[in-house]
Amino acid sequence: MKISMKRIPKTTNWVEGTAGRYGFQALVFEENSCYGIEEGRVSKLYIWKGEGASKKYIAEYDRGWGKEPSTEEEKRAFRAIWEFLERA
C-alpha cells in the first residue's frame, strides 16, 4: 500500500495523508507517550474512506479508541498507516 503524508501546517505535529483508498489525519509526537496507540508516538489518528457525503470513518483514536477498525481490510489499512507514522 502506497502511503504519502504532509504536515498541516508545517510547524505542528499534525499530519495528513493517503494510504491506498484511505485518507488519514494524525497527531504524531517525537517521543512515545502513555496516550499514544500502544504507548507509541501517535496520540490521535482518524482514518476514513470516501469523500464528502460518502466519507466513512473506519478508525478514530483520540488518546483512546472511539472507533476501532472492524473488517480485516480496515485492520490492515490501520496497521499499515500506524506503523508508517511510528517510523515517520
N, C-alpha and C. Protein backbone atom coordinates (compact mmCIF):
# COMPACT_ATOMS: atom_id res chain seq x y z
N MET A 1 0.85 -1.17 0.00
CA MET A 1 0.00 0.00 0.00
C MET A 1 0.89 1.24 0.00
N LYS A 2 0.68 2.11 -0.97
CA LYS A 2 1.45 3.34 -1.04
C LYS A 2 0.88 4.36 -0.05
N ILE A 3 1.76 4.93 0.77
CA ILE A 3 1.35 5.91 1.77
C ILE A 3 2.11 7.20 1.54
N SER A 4 1.38 8.31 1.56
CA SER A 4 2.03 9.62 1.46
C SER A 4 1.45 10.51 2.55
N MET A 5 2.27 11.47 3.03
CA MET A 5 1.78 12.36 4.08
C MET A 5 2.48 13.70 4.02
N LYS A 6 1.86 14.70 4.69
CA LYS A 6 2.47 16.01 4.84
C LYS A 6 2.03 16.58 6.18
N ARG A 7 2.81 17.51 6.71
CA ARG A 7 2.45 18.18 7.96
C ARG A 7 1.44 19.27 7.67
N ILE A 8 0.50 19.49 8.61
CA ILE A 8 -0.51 20.54 8.44
C ILE A 8 -0.64 21.36 9.72
N PRO A 9 -0.41 22.61 9.79
CA PRO A 9 0.58 23.27 8.94
C PRO A 9 1.97 22.72 9.23
N LYS A 10 2.93 23.16 8.50
CA LYS A 10 4.27 22.57 8.56
C LYS A 10 4.95 22.69 9.91
N THR A 11 4.47 23.57 10.79
CA THR A 11 5.13 23.79 12.09
C THR A 11 4.47 23.03 13.24
N THR A 12 3.54 22.11 12.95
CA THR A 12 2.86 21.36 14.01
C THR A 12 3.19 19.88 13.92
N ASN A 13 2.65 19.13 14.86
CA ASN A 13 2.80 17.67 14.86
C ASN A 13 1.65 16.98 14.15
N TRP A 14 0.71 17.75 13.58
CA TRP A 14 -0.39 17.17 12.82
C TRP A 14 0.07 16.81 11.41
N VAL A 15 -0.34 15.64 10.95
CA VAL A 15 -0.05 15.21 9.59
C VAL A 15 -1.35 14.74 8.94
N GLU A 16 -1.35 14.76 7.61
CA GLU A 16 -2.47 14.19 6.87
C GLU A 16 -1.90 13.47 5.67
N GLY A 17 -2.65 12.53 5.16
CA GLY A 17 -2.16 11.81 4.01
C GLY A 17 -3.16 10.82 3.46
N THR A 18 -2.65 9.97 2.58
CA THR A 18 -3.45 8.93 1.96
C THR A 18 -2.69 7.62 2.02
N ALA A 19 -3.46 6.55 2.04
CA ALA A 19 -2.91 5.20 2.01
C ALA A 19 -3.87 4.37 1.16
N GLY A 20 -3.49 4.15 -0.09
CA GLY A 20 -4.41 3.47 -0.99
C GLY A 20 -5.67 4.30 -1.15
N ARG A 21 -6.80 3.71 -0.86
CA ARG A 21 -8.07 4.45 -1.00
C ARG A 21 -8.52 5.10 0.31
N TYR A 22 -7.66 5.10 1.31
CA TYR A 22 -7.99 5.69 2.61
C TYR A 22 -7.30 7.03 2.80
N GLY A 23 -7.97 7.93 3.53
CA GLY A 23 -7.37 9.18 3.95
C GLY A 23 -7.14 9.12 5.45
N PHE A 24 -6.22 9.95 5.95
CA PHE A 24 -5.99 9.96 7.39
C PHE A 24 -5.45 11.31 7.86
N GLN A 25 -5.66 11.60 9.13
CA GLN A 25 -5.04 12.70 9.85
C GLN A 25 -4.57 12.12 11.17
N ALA A 26 -3.42 12.63 11.66
CA ALA A 26 -2.87 12.11 12.90
C ALA A 26 -2.06 13.17 13.62
N LEU A 27 -1.98 13.01 14.94
CA LEU A 27 -1.11 13.82 15.77
C LEU A 27 0.03 12.90 16.20
N VAL A 28 1.24 13.21 15.72
CA VAL A 28 2.40 12.34 15.92
C VAL A 28 3.49 13.13 16.66
N PHE A 29 3.92 12.61 17.80
CA PHE A 29 4.94 13.29 18.60
C PHE A 29 6.32 12.69 18.38
N GLU A 30 7.33 13.41 18.80
CA GLU A 30 8.73 12.98 18.65
C GLU A 30 9.04 11.76 19.51
N GLU A 31 8.38 11.67 20.67
CA GLU A 31 8.67 10.58 21.61
C GLU A 31 7.39 9.83 21.95
N ASN A 32 7.55 8.62 22.46
CA ASN A 32 6.41 7.81 22.87
C ASN A 32 5.67 8.48 24.02
N SER A 33 4.39 8.13 24.16
CA SER A 33 3.55 8.72 25.19
C SER A 33 2.59 7.67 25.75
N CYS A 34 2.22 7.84 26.99
CA CYS A 34 1.21 6.94 27.58
C CYS A 34 -0.14 7.12 26.90
N TYR A 35 -0.33 8.22 26.18
CA TYR A 35 -1.59 8.49 25.46
C TYR A 35 -1.58 7.93 24.04
N GLY A 36 -0.43 7.49 23.56
CA GLY A 36 -0.32 7.01 22.19
C GLY A 36 -0.87 5.60 22.01
N ILE A 37 -1.11 5.24 20.77
CA ILE A 37 -1.54 3.88 20.45
C ILE A 37 -0.42 2.94 20.88
N GLU A 38 -0.77 1.98 21.74
CA GLU A 38 0.20 1.06 22.33
C GLU A 38 1.40 1.81 22.92
N GLU A 39 1.10 2.97 23.53
CA GLU A 39 2.10 3.84 24.17
C GLU A 39 3.19 4.29 23.20
N GLY A 40 2.79 4.49 21.95
CA GLY A 40 3.70 4.95 20.91
C GLY A 40 3.60 6.45 20.69
N ARG A 41 4.02 6.90 19.52
CA ARG A 41 4.10 8.32 19.18
C ARG A 41 2.78 8.90 18.66
N VAL A 42 1.87 8.06 18.21
CA VAL A 42 0.61 8.51 17.60
C VAL A 42 -0.47 8.61 18.68
N SER A 43 -0.83 9.86 19.05
CA SER A 43 -1.83 10.02 20.12
C SER A 43 -3.23 10.29 19.57
N LYS A 44 -3.34 10.68 18.31
CA LYS A 44 -4.64 10.86 17.66
C LYS A 44 -4.52 10.36 16.23
N LEU A 45 -5.50 9.60 15.79
CA LEU A 45 -5.48 9.07 14.43
C LEU A 45 -6.91 8.88 13.95
N TYR A 46 -7.19 9.47 12.79
CA TYR A 46 -8.51 9.36 12.15
C TYR A 46 -8.28 8.83 10.74
N ILE A 47 -8.95 7.73 10.42
CA ILE A 47 -8.82 7.11 9.10
C ILE A 47 -10.22 6.98 8.50
N TRP A 48 -10.34 7.33 7.22
CA TRP A 48 -11.63 7.26 6.54
C TRP A 48 -11.46 6.78 5.11
N LYS A 49 -12.59 6.39 4.54
CA LYS A 49 -12.62 6.13 3.10
C LYS A 49 -13.79 6.92 2.54
N GLY A 50 -13.67 7.31 1.28
CA GLY A 50 -14.69 8.12 0.64
C GLY A 50 -14.43 9.60 0.85
N GLU A 51 -15.23 10.41 0.19
CA GLU A 51 -15.12 11.87 0.26
C GLU A 51 -16.49 12.49 0.44
N GLY A 52 -16.52 13.69 0.95
CA GLY A 52 -17.77 14.44 1.06
C GLY A 52 -18.83 13.68 1.83
N ALA A 53 -20.04 13.61 1.26
CA ALA A 53 -21.16 12.97 1.94
C ALA A 53 -20.97 11.47 2.11
N SER A 54 -20.12 10.86 1.28
CA SER A 54 -19.90 9.41 1.40
C SER A 54 -18.71 9.06 2.29
N LYS A 55 -18.12 10.07 2.94
CA LYS A 55 -16.97 9.84 3.83
C LYS A 55 -17.39 9.00 5.03
N LYS A 56 -16.67 7.88 5.26
CA LYS A 56 -16.98 6.98 6.36
C LYS A 56 -15.71 6.72 7.16
N TYR A 57 -15.75 7.05 8.45
CA TYR A 57 -14.60 6.81 9.31
C TYR A 57 -14.52 5.33 9.64
N ILE A 58 -13.32 4.78 9.49
CA ILE A 58 -13.12 3.37 9.83
C ILE A 58 -12.35 3.22 11.13
N ALA A 59 -11.65 4.28 11.57
CA ALA A 59 -10.91 4.24 12.82
C ALA A 59 -10.81 5.64 13.39
N GLU A 60 -11.03 5.74 14.71
CA GLU A 60 -10.88 7.02 15.42
C GLU A 60 -10.19 6.73 16.74
N TYR A 61 -9.01 7.30 16.91
CA TYR A 61 -8.26 7.15 18.16
C TYR A 61 -7.90 8.55 18.64
N ASP A 62 -8.35 8.91 19.84
CA ASP A 62 -8.05 10.22 20.43
C ASP A 62 -7.70 9.98 21.90
N ARG A 63 -6.44 9.58 22.11
CA ARG A 63 -5.95 9.18 23.43
C ARG A 63 -6.72 7.98 23.97
N GLY A 64 -7.39 7.29 23.11
CA GLY A 64 -8.19 6.11 23.40
C GLY A 64 -9.09 5.85 22.21
N TRP A 65 -9.60 4.63 22.09
CA TRP A 65 -10.40 4.26 20.94
C TRP A 65 -11.81 4.83 21.01
N GLY A 66 -12.21 5.53 19.96
CA GLY A 66 -13.59 5.94 19.77
C GLY A 66 -14.27 4.98 18.81
N LYS A 67 -13.51 4.56 17.79
CA LYS A 67 -13.99 3.57 16.81
C LYS A 67 -12.79 2.77 16.33
N GLU A 68 -12.85 1.49 16.54
CA GLU A 68 -11.78 0.60 16.08
C GLU A 68 -12.14 0.06 14.70
N PRO A 69 -11.11 -0.21 13.88
CA PRO A 69 -11.39 -0.82 12.57
C PRO A 69 -12.06 -2.18 12.78
N SER A 70 -13.03 -2.53 11.93
CA SER A 70 -13.80 -3.75 12.18
C SER A 70 -13.53 -4.88 11.18
N THR A 71 -13.35 -4.56 9.90
CA THR A 71 -13.12 -5.63 8.92
C THR A 71 -11.62 -5.91 8.81
N GLU A 72 -11.30 -7.03 8.21
CA GLU A 72 -9.88 -7.37 8.01
C GLU A 72 -9.18 -6.33 7.14
N GLU A 73 -9.86 -5.86 6.10
CA GLU A 73 -9.27 -4.83 5.23
C GLU A 73 -9.00 -3.55 6.03
N GLU A 74 -9.95 -3.14 6.85
CA GLU A 74 -9.78 -1.94 7.66
C GLU A 74 -8.64 -2.12 8.67
N LYS A 75 -8.54 -3.29 9.26
CA LYS A 75 -7.46 -3.57 10.22
C LYS A 75 -6.10 -3.52 9.53
N ARG A 76 -6.01 -4.04 8.30
CA ARG A 76 -4.75 -3.99 7.54
C ARG A 76 -4.39 -2.55 7.21
N ALA A 77 -5.38 -1.75 6.80
CA ALA A 77 -5.13 -0.34 6.49
C ALA A 77 -4.67 0.40 7.73
N PHE A 78 -5.35 0.20 8.85
CA PHE A 78 -4.95 0.84 10.10
C PHE A 78 -3.51 0.48 10.45
N ARG A 79 -3.20 -0.80 10.43
CA ARG A 79 -1.86 -1.26 10.83
C ARG A 79 -0.80 -0.66 9.91
N ALA A 80 -1.04 -0.61 8.62
CA ALA A 80 -0.06 -0.04 7.67
C ALA A 80 0.15 1.45 7.96
N ILE A 81 -0.93 2.19 8.18
CA ILE A 81 -0.82 3.63 8.44
C ILE A 81 -0.13 3.87 9.77
N TRP A 82 -0.57 3.18 10.80
CA TRP A 82 0.00 3.36 12.14
C TRP A 82 1.50 3.04 12.16
N GLU A 83 1.89 1.93 11.57
CA GLU A 83 3.32 1.57 11.54
C GLU A 83 4.12 2.60 10.74
N PHE A 84 3.57 3.09 9.65
CA PHE A 84 4.22 4.13 8.86
C PHE A 84 4.44 5.38 9.71
N LEU A 85 3.41 5.80 10.45
CA LEU A 85 3.51 7.01 11.27
C LEU A 85 4.50 6.84 12.42
N GLU A 86 4.55 5.66 13.00
CA GLU A 86 5.51 5.42 14.10
C GLU A 86 6.95 5.55 13.61
N ARG A 87 7.19 5.25 12.35
CA ARG A 87 8.56 5.35 11.79
C ARG A 87 8.86 6.72 11.18
N ALA A 88 7.82 7.50 10.91
CA ALA A 88 7.99 8.79 10.20
C ALA A 88 8.75 9.81 11.02
